[in-house]
Amino acid sequence: MQSKLTLSIDKDVIVRAKHYAQENQQSVSSLVEAYLDRLSTAQKKDPAQAYNAPITTSLAGMFAVEDTGQDYKDLLADARLEKHV
C-alpha cells in the first residue's frame, strides 16, 4: 500500500535529486523509498552497519588512536597540550 510522506529538504538537494533520478530513469519518490528501505533493512540485520554510507566507510580507520576508555575531555585536553607545546 502506497502512502504519502511530506519532507522538508534543501532546494539544492531537490534539484540534484531530480537530476539524478532523471538520469537513472527513476522518480525521486522511488529513490527515497529505496534508500529508506535499505536503511531500515540494514538496521534490522546489523544496527552498527545501518549508517554505513560510502563517506563513512572511507573514513573508517582514519584515526589510529586506540580506544583506551579515557574520557573525551581528557583526550581533548592532552591533544591541545601537544598542539601548543
PDB file of N, CA and C in Angstrom:
ATOM      1  N   MET A   1       0.835  -1.178   0.000  1.00  0.00           N
ATOM      2  CA  MET A   1       0.000   0.000   0.000  1.00  0.00           C
ATOM      3  C   MET A   1       0.881   1.244   0.000  1.00  0.00           C
ATOM      4  N   GLN A   2       0.662   2.123  -0.921  1.00  0.00           N
ATOM      5  CA  GLN A   2       1.420   3.366  -1.017  1.00  0.00           C
ATOM      6  C   GLN A   2       0.804   4.423  -0.102  1.00  0.00           C
ATOM      7  N   SER A   3       1.654   5.208   0.559  1.00  0.00           N
ATOM      8  CA  SER A   3       1.218   6.324   1.391  1.00  0.00           C
ATOM      9  C   SER A   3       2.033   7.542   1.029  1.00  0.00           C
ATOM     10  N   LYS A   4       1.475   8.705   1.287  1.00  0.00           N
ATOM     11  CA  LYS A   4       2.187   9.944   1.011  1.00  0.00           C
ATOM     12  C   LYS A   4       3.007  10.351   2.228  1.00  0.00           C
ATOM     13  N   LEU A   5       4.130  11.011   1.961  1.00  0.00           N
ATOM     14  CA  LEU A   5       5.021  11.494   3.002  1.00  0.00           C
ATOM     15  C   LEU A   5       5.504  12.869   2.593  1.00  0.00           C
ATOM     16  N   THR A   6       5.412  13.835   3.491  1.00  0.00           N
ATOM     17  CA  THR A   6       5.887  15.183   3.203  1.00  0.00           C
ATOM     18  C   THR A   6       7.241  15.373   3.874  1.00  0.00           C
ATOM     19  N   LEU A   7       8.224  15.808   3.093  1.00  0.00           N
ATOM     20  CA  LEU A   7       9.569  16.027   3.603  1.00  0.00           C
ATOM     21  C   LEU A   7       9.975  17.480   3.375  1.00  0.00           C
ATOM     22  N   SER A   8      10.794  18.004   4.258  1.00  0.00           N
ATOM     23  CA  SER A   8      11.387  19.329   4.069  1.00  0.00           C
ATOM     24  C   SER A   8      12.851  19.114   3.739  1.00  0.00           C
ATOM     25  N   ILE A   9      13.225  19.471   2.499  1.00  0.00           N
ATOM     26  CA  ILE A   9      14.575  19.218   2.010  1.00  0.00           C
ATOM     27  C   ILE A   9      15.091  20.486   1.336  1.00  0.00           C
ATOM     28  N   ASP A  10      16.367  20.748   1.496  1.00  0.00           N
ATOM     29  CA  ASP A  10      17.015  21.895   0.875  1.00  0.00           C
ATOM     30  C   ASP A  10      16.759  21.905  -0.634  1.00  0.00           C
ATOM     31  N   LYS A  11      16.481  23.076  -1.184  1.00  0.00           N
ATOM     32  CA  LYS A  11      16.148  23.198  -2.607  1.00  0.00           C
ATOM     33  C   LYS A  11      17.255  22.662  -3.510  1.00  0.00           C
ATOM     34  N   ASP A  12      18.508  22.932  -3.168  1.00  0.00           N
ATOM     35  CA  ASP A  12      19.622  22.444  -3.986  1.00  0.00           C
ATOM     36  C   ASP A  12      19.671  20.920  -4.010  1.00  0.00           C
ATOM     37  N   VAL A  13      19.362  20.307  -2.890  1.00  0.00           N
ATOM     38  CA  VAL A  13      19.345  18.843  -2.811  1.00  0.00           C
ATOM     39  C   VAL A  13      18.230  18.295  -3.696  1.00  0.00           C
ATOM     40  N   ILE A  14      17.093  18.954  -3.678  1.00  0.00           N
ATOM     41  CA  ILE A  14      15.965  18.520  -4.513  1.00  0.00           C
ATOM     42  C   ILE A  14      16.329  18.599  -5.994  1.00  0.00           C
ATOM     43  N   VAL A  15      16.972  19.687  -6.386  1.00  0.00           N
ATOM     44  CA  VAL A  15      17.367  19.848  -7.788  1.00  0.00           C
ATOM     45  C   VAL A  15      18.328  18.738  -8.197  1.00  0.00           C
ATOM     46  N   ARG A  16      19.321  18.468  -7.348  1.00  0.00           N
ATOM     47  CA  ARG A  16      20.287  17.413  -7.658  1.00  0.00           C
ATOM     48  C   ARG A  16      19.612  16.044  -7.683  1.00  0.00           C
ATOM     49  N   ALA A  17      18.687  15.819  -6.755  1.00  0.00           N
ATOM     50  CA  ALA A  17      17.988  14.533  -6.707  1.00  0.00           C
ATOM     51  C   ALA A  17      17.140  14.330  -7.958  1.00  0.00           C
ATOM     52  N   LYS A  18      16.466  15.374  -8.397  1.00  0.00           N
ATOM     53  CA  LYS A  18      15.651  15.266  -9.615  1.00  0.00           C
ATOM     54  C   LYS A  18      16.529  14.989 -10.827  1.00  0.00           C
ATOM     55  N   HIS A  19      17.665  15.642 -10.882  1.00  0.00           N
ATOM     56  CA  HIS A  19      18.590  15.421 -11.991  1.00  0.00           C
ATOM     57  C   HIS A  19      19.104  13.975 -11.976  1.00  0.00           C
ATOM     58  N   TYR A  20      19.494  13.511 -10.804  1.00  0.00           N
ATOM     59  CA  TYR A  20      19.985  12.141 -10.658  1.00  0.00           C
ATOM     60  C   TYR A  20      18.892  11.139 -11.041  1.00  0.00           C
ATOM     61  N   ALA A  21      17.681  11.384 -10.555  1.00  0.00           N
ATOM     62  CA  ALA A  21      16.570  10.477 -10.840  1.00  0.00           C
ATOM     63  C   ALA A  21      16.292  10.420 -12.336  1.00  0.00           C
ATOM     64  N   GLN A  22      16.312  11.578 -12.987  1.00  0.00           N
ATOM     65  CA  GLN A  22      16.053  11.612 -14.425  1.00  0.00           C
ATOM     66  C   GLN A  22      17.141  10.855 -15.189  1.00  0.00           C
ATOM     67  N   GLU A  23      18.397  11.058 -14.801  1.00  0.00           N
ATOM     68  CA  GLU A  23      19.499  10.358 -15.469  1.00  0.00           C
ATOM     69  C   GLU A  23      19.385   8.838 -15.312  1.00  0.00           C
ATOM     70  N   ASN A  24      18.807   8.410 -14.201  1.00  0.00           N
ATOM     71  CA  ASN A  24      18.686   6.979 -13.908  1.00  0.00           C
ATOM     72  C   ASN A  24      17.283   6.443 -14.175  1.00  0.00           C
ATOM     73  N   GLN A  25      16.487   7.235 -14.859  1.00  0.00           N
ATOM     74  CA  GLN A  25      15.134   6.852 -15.243  1.00  0.00           C
ATOM     75  C   GLN A  25      14.323   6.325 -14.058  1.00  0.00           C
ATOM     76  N   GLN A  26      14.361   7.099 -12.979  1.00  0.00           N
ATOM     77  CA  GLN A  26      13.614   6.782 -11.768  1.00  0.00           C
ATOM     78  C   GLN A  26      12.909   8.040 -11.291  1.00  0.00           C
ATOM     79  N   SER A  27      12.017   7.878 -10.361  1.00  0.00           N
ATOM     80  CA  SER A  27      11.400   9.036  -9.716  1.00  0.00           C
ATOM     81  C   SER A  27      12.154   9.317  -8.414  1.00  0.00           C
ATOM     82  N   VAL A  28      12.032  10.544  -7.946  1.00  0.00           N
ATOM     83  CA  VAL A  28      12.645  10.886  -6.661  1.00  0.00           C
ATOM     84  C   VAL A  28      11.987  10.054  -5.564  1.00  0.00           C
ATOM     85  N   SER A  29      10.688   9.835  -5.683  1.00  0.00           N
ATOM     86  CA  SER A  29       9.986   9.009  -4.691  1.00  0.00           C
ATOM     87  C   SER A  29      10.575   7.604  -4.615  1.00  0.00           C
ATOM     88  N   SER A  30      10.874   7.012  -5.773  1.00  0.00           N
ATOM     89  CA  SER A  30      11.425   5.653  -5.756  1.00  0.00           C
ATOM     90  C   SER A  30      12.836   5.646  -5.163  1.00  0.00           C
ATOM     91  N   LEU A  31      13.596   6.715  -5.404  1.00  0.00           N
ATOM     92  CA  LEU A  31      14.930   6.816  -4.805  1.00  0.00           C
ATOM     93  C   LEU A  31      14.847   6.894  -3.286  1.00  0.00           C
ATOM     94  N   VAL A  32      13.939   7.743  -2.800  1.00  0.00           N
ATOM     95  CA  VAL A  32      13.779   7.911  -1.348  1.00  0.00           C
ATOM     96  C   VAL A  32      13.271   6.608  -0.733  1.00  0.00           C
ATOM     97  N   GLU A  33      12.311   5.972  -1.398  1.00  0.00           N
ATOM     98  CA  GLU A  33      11.780   4.712  -0.885  1.00  0.00           C
ATOM     99  C   GLU A  33      12.873   3.643  -0.813  1.00  0.00           C
ATOM    100  N   ALA A  34      13.681   3.531  -1.859  1.00  0.00           N
ATOM    101  CA  ALA A  34      14.758   2.539  -1.872  1.00  0.00           C
ATOM    102  C   ALA A  34      15.776   2.826  -0.775  1.00  0.00           C
ATOM    103  N   TYR A  35      16.105   4.112  -0.581  1.00  0.00           N
ATOM    104  CA  TYR A  35      17.064   4.486   0.458  1.00  0.00           C
ATOM    105  C   TYR A  35      16.523   4.137   1.850  1.00  0.00           C
ATOM    106  N   LEU A  36      15.280   4.519   2.119  1.00  0.00           N
ATOM    107  CA  LEU A  36      14.705   4.246   3.432  1.00  0.00           C
ATOM    108  C   LEU A  36      14.548   2.746   3.672  1.00  0.00           C
ATOM    109  N   ASP A  37      14.204   2.021   2.619  1.00  0.00           N
ATOM    110  CA  ASP A  37      14.084   0.569   2.737  1.00  0.00           C
ATOM    111  C   ASP A  37      15.435  -0.055   3.071  1.00  0.00           C
ATOM    112  N   ARG A  38      16.474   0.375   2.354  1.00  0.00           N
ATOM    113  CA  ARG A  38      17.818  -0.160   2.596  1.00  0.00           C
ATOM    114  C   ARG A  38      18.298   0.197   3.995  1.00  0.00           C
ATOM    115  N   LEU A  39      18.044   1.429   4.415  1.00  0.00           N
ATOM    116  CA  LEU A  39      18.463   1.881   5.737  1.00  0.00           C
ATOM    117  C   LEU A  39      17.778   1.069   6.828  1.00  0.00           C
ATOM    118  N   SER A  40      16.468   0.899   6.713  1.00  0.00           N
ATOM    119  CA  SER A  40      15.730   0.176   7.756  1.00  0.00           C
ATOM    120  C   SER A  40      16.028  -1.319   7.734  1.00  0.00           C
ATOM    121  N   THR A  41      16.281  -1.884   6.561  1.00  0.00           N
ATOM    122  CA  THR A  41      16.635  -3.298   6.468  1.00  0.00           C
ATOM    123  C   THR A  41      18.014  -3.545   7.061  1.00  0.00           C
ATOM    124  N   ALA A  42      18.962  -2.669   6.767  1.00  0.00           N
ATOM    125  CA  ALA A  42      20.321  -2.812   7.305  1.00  0.00           C
ATOM    126  C   ALA A  42      20.312  -2.710   8.814  1.00  0.00           C
ATOM    127  N   GLN A  43      19.479  -1.824   9.343  1.00  0.00           N
ATOM    128  CA  GLN A  43      19.433  -1.652  10.791  1.00  0.00           C
ATOM    129  C   GLN A  43      18.898  -2.910  11.468  1.00  0.00           C
ATOM    130  N   LYS A  44      17.940  -3.581  10.848  1.00  0.00           N
ATOM    131  CA  LYS A  44      17.410  -4.818  11.423  1.00  0.00           C
ATOM    132  C   LYS A  44      18.466  -5.914  11.425  1.00  0.00           C
ATOM    133  N   LYS A  45      19.243  -5.992  10.335  1.00  0.00           N
ATOM    134  CA  LYS A  45      20.261  -7.039  10.219  1.00  0.00           C
ATOM    135  C   LYS A  45      21.432  -6.774  11.160  1.00  0.00           C
ATOM    136  N   ASP A  46      21.944  -5.550  11.135  1.00  0.00           N
ATOM    137  CA  ASP A  46      23.105  -5.187  11.939  1.00  0.00           C
ATOM    138  C   ASP A  46      23.044  -3.701  12.244  1.00  0.00           C
ATOM    139  N   PRO A  47      22.551  -3.319  13.420  1.00  0.00           N
ATOM    140  CA  PRO A  47      22.404  -1.903  13.750  1.00  0.00           C
ATOM    141  C   PRO A  47      23.685  -1.097  13.573  1.00  0.00           C
ATOM    142  N   ALA A  48      24.831  -1.705  13.779  1.00  0.00           N
ATOM    143  CA  ALA A  48      26.098  -0.993  13.630  1.00  0.00           C
ATOM    144  C   ALA A  48      26.358  -0.612  12.181  1.00  0.00           C
ATOM    145  N   GLN A  49      25.807  -1.372  11.238  1.00  0.00           N
ATOM    146  CA  GLN A  49      26.014  -1.123   9.818  1.00  0.00           C
ATOM    147  C   GLN A  49      24.937  -0.237   9.200  1.00  0.00           C
ATOM    148  N   ALA A  50      23.948   0.162   9.961  1.00  0.00           N
ATOM    149  CA  ALA A  50      22.804   0.877   9.416  1.00  0.00           C
ATOM    150  C   ALA A  50      23.189   2.201   8.783  1.00  0.00           C
ATOM    151  N   TYR A  51      24.192   2.840   9.289  1.00  0.00           N
ATOM    152  CA  TYR A  51      24.553   4.165   8.789  1.00  0.00           C
ATOM    153  C   TYR A  51      25.825   4.144   7.955  1.00  0.00           C
ATOM    154  N   ASN A  52      26.182   2.984   7.431  1.00  0.00           N
ATOM    155  CA  ASN A  52      27.372   2.877   6.604  1.00  0.00           C
ATOM    156  C   ASN A  52      27.110   3.441   5.218  1.00  0.00           C
ATOM    157  N   ALA A  53      27.493   4.663   5.028  1.00  0.00           N
ATOM    158  CA  ALA A  53      27.419   5.297   3.723  1.00  0.00           C
ATOM    159  C   ALA A  53      28.836   5.294   3.160  1.00  0.00           C
ATOM    160  N   PRO A  54      29.015   5.500   1.867  1.00  0.00           N
ATOM    161  CA  PRO A  54      30.365   5.495   1.295  1.00  0.00           C
ATOM    162  C   PRO A  54      31.334   6.425   2.030  1.00  0.00           C
ATOM    163  N   ILE A  55      30.869   7.608   2.412  1.00  0.00           N
ATOM    164  CA  ILE A  55      31.775   8.539   3.111  1.00  0.00           C
ATOM    165  C   ILE A  55      32.161   7.984   4.475  1.00  0.00           C
ATOM    166  N   THR A  56      31.206   7.358   5.158  1.00  0.00           N
ATOM    167  CA  THR A  56      31.503   6.774   6.461  1.00  0.00           C
ATOM    168  C   THR A  56      32.512   5.646   6.317  1.00  0.00           C
ATOM    169  N   THR A  57      32.304   4.804   5.331  1.00  0.00           N
ATOM    170  CA  THR A  57      33.205   3.690   5.083  1.00  0.00           C
ATOM    171  C   THR A  57      34.609   4.185   4.758  1.00  0.00           C
ATOM    172  N   SER A  58      34.706   5.257   3.972  1.00  0.00           N
ATOM    173  CA  SER A  58      36.022   5.762   3.594  1.00  0.00           C
ATOM    174  C   SER A  58      36.757   6.380   4.777  1.00  0.00           C
ATOM    175  N   LEU A  59      36.018   6.872   5.757  1.00  0.00           N
ATOM    176  CA  LEU A  59      36.641   7.493   6.921  1.00  0.00           C
ATOM    177  C   LEU A  59      36.971   6.487   8.019  1.00  0.00           C
ATOM    178  N   ALA A  60      36.349   5.324   7.968  1.00  0.00           N
ATOM    179  CA  ALA A  60      36.575   4.315   8.999  1.00  0.00           C
ATOM    180  C   ALA A  60      38.050   3.926   9.034  1.00  0.00           C
ATOM    181  N   GLY A  61      38.611   3.897  10.222  1.00  0.00           N
ATOM    182  CA  GLY A  61      40.010   3.528  10.378  1.00  0.00           C
ATOM    183  C   GLY A  61      40.966   4.667  10.100  1.00  0.00           C
ATOM    184  N   MET A  62      40.425   5.852   9.877  1.00  0.00           N
ATOM    185  CA  MET A  62      41.251   7.008   9.551  1.00  0.00           C
ATOM    186  C   MET A  62      42.130   7.422  10.729  1.00  0.00           C
ATOM    187  N   PHE A  63      41.627   7.202  11.918  1.00  0.00           N
ATOM    188  CA  PHE A  63      42.353   7.612  13.105  1.00  0.00           C
ATOM    189  C   PHE A  63      42.979   6.396  13.767  1.00  0.00           C
ATOM    190  N   ALA A  64      44.253   6.485  14.038  1.00  0.00           N
ATOM    191  CA  ALA A  64      44.982   5.340  14.575  1.00  0.00           C
ATOM    192  C   ALA A  64      44.903   5.243  16.096  1.00  0.00           C
ATOM    193  N   VAL A  65      44.282   6.212  16.733  1.00  0.00           N
ATOM    194  CA  VAL A  65      44.207   6.214  18.188  1.00  0.00           C
ATOM    195  C   VAL A  65      43.314   5.074  18.653  1.00  0.00           C
ATOM    196  N   GLU A  66      43.836   4.291  19.587  1.00  0.00           N
ATOM    197  CA  GLU A  66      43.042   3.193  20.135  1.00  0.00           C
ATOM    198  C   GLU A  66      42.152   3.719  21.248  1.00  0.00           C
ATOM    199  N   ASP A  67      41.013   3.101  21.412  1.00  0.00           N
ATOM    200  CA  ASP A  67      40.110   3.477  22.488  1.00  0.00           C
ATOM    201  C   ASP A  67      40.622   2.862  23.778  1.00  0.00           C
ATOM    202  N   THR A  68      41.145   3.709  24.638  1.00  0.00           N
ATOM    203  CA  THR A  68      41.681   3.233  25.909  1.00  0.00           C
ATOM    204  C   THR A  68      40.680   3.409  27.039  1.00  0.00           C
ATOM    205  N   GLY A  69      39.505   3.936  26.689  1.00  0.00           N
ATOM    206  CA  GLY A  69      38.499   4.166  27.713  1.00  0.00           C
ATOM    207  C   GLY A  69      38.692   5.500  28.409  1.00  0.00           C
ATOM    208  N   GLN A  70      39.687   6.269  27.973  1.00  0.00           N
ATOM    209  CA  GLN A  70      39.961   7.563  28.577  1.00  0.00           C
ATOM    210  C   GLN A  70      38.836   8.532  28.221  1.00  0.00           C
ATOM    211  N   ASP A  71      38.500   9.411  29.155  1.00  0.00           N
ATOM    212  CA  ASP A  71      37.432  10.377  28.959  1.00  0.00           C
ATOM    213  C   ASP A  71      37.758  11.312  27.795  1.00  0.00           C
ATOM    214  N   TYR A  72      36.744  11.639  27.000  1.00  0.00           N
ATOM    215  CA  TYR A  72      36.914  12.505  25.838  1.00  0.00           C
ATOM    216  C   TYR A  72      37.530  13.847  26.218  1.00  0.00           C
ATOM    217  N   LYS A  73      37.080  14.432  27.315  1.00  0.00           N
ATOM    218  CA  LYS A  73      37.608  15.741  27.728  1.00  0.00           C
ATOM    219  C   LYS A  73      39.091  15.648  28.053  1.00  0.00           C
ATOM    220  N   ASP A  74      39.508  14.547  28.653  1.00  0.00           N
ATOM    221  CA  ASP A  74      40.925  14.350  28.947  1.00  0.00           C
ATOM    222  C   ASP A  74      41.732  14.208  27.657  1.00  0.00           C
ATOM    223  N   LEU A  75      41.194  13.444  26.702  1.00  0.00           N
ATOM    224  CA  LEU A  75      41.871  13.278  25.415  1.00  0.00           C
ATOM    225  C   LEU A  75      42.008  14.622  24.696  1.00  0.00           C
ATOM    226  N   LEU A  76      40.953  15.417  24.740  1.00  0.00           N
ATOM    227  CA  LEU A  76      40.965  16.724  24.098  1.00  0.00           C
ATOM    228  C   LEU A  76      41.986  17.642  24.762  1.00  0.00           C
ATOM    229  N   ALA A  77      42.033  17.626  26.076  1.00  0.00           N
ATOM    230  CA  ALA A  77      42.998  18.448  26.803  1.00  0.00           C
ATOM    231  C   ALA A  77      44.427  18.026  26.459  1.00  0.00           C
ATOM    232  N   ASP A  78      44.671  16.725  26.387  1.00  0.00           N
ATOM    233  CA  ASP A  78      46.002  16.227  26.015  1.00  0.00           C
ATOM    234  C   ASP A  78      46.371  16.664  24.598  1.00  0.00           C
ATOM    235  N   ALA A  79      45.422  16.579  23.688  1.00  0.00           N
ATOM    236  CA  ALA A  79      45.683  16.975  22.301  1.00  0.00           C
ATOM    237  C   ALA A  79      45.990  18.461  22.204  1.00  0.00           C
ATOM    238  N   ARG A  80      45.294  19.266  22.978  1.00  0.00           N
ATOM    239  CA  ARG A  80      45.561  20.714  22.968  1.00  0.00           C
ATOM    240  C   ARG A  80      46.942  21.010  23.530  1.00  0.00           C
ATOM    241  N   LEU A  81      47.325  20.291  24.586  1.00  0.00           N
ATOM    242  CA  LEU A  81      48.655  20.485  25.153  1.00  0.00           C
ATOM    243  C   LEU A  81      49.744  20.123  24.144  1.00  0.00           C
ATOM    244  N   GLU A  82      49.569  19.001  23.466  1.00  0.00           N
ATOM    245  CA  GLU A  82      50.548  18.565  22.463  1.00  0.00           C
ATOM    246  C   GLU A  82      50.644  19.568  21.323  1.00  0.00           C
ATOM    247  N   LYS A  83      49.522  20.132  20.944  1.00  0.00           N
ATOM    248  CA  LYS A  83      49.493  21.077  19.832  1.00  0.00           C
ATOM    249  C   LYS A  83      50.244  22.363  20.164  1.00  0.00           C
ATOM    250  N   HIS A  84      50.162  22.791  21.414  1.00  0.00           N
ATOM    251  CA  HIS A  84      50.744  24.077  21.801  1.00  0.00           C
ATOM    252  C   HIS A  84      52.073  23.957  22.530  1.00  0.00           C
ATOM    253  N   VAL A  85      52.650  22.786  22.514  1.00  0.00           N
ATOM    254  CA  VAL A  85      53.961  22.597  23.178  1.00  0.00           C
ATOM    255  C   VAL A  85      55.057  22.660  22.164  1.00  0.00           C
TER     256      VAL A  85
END
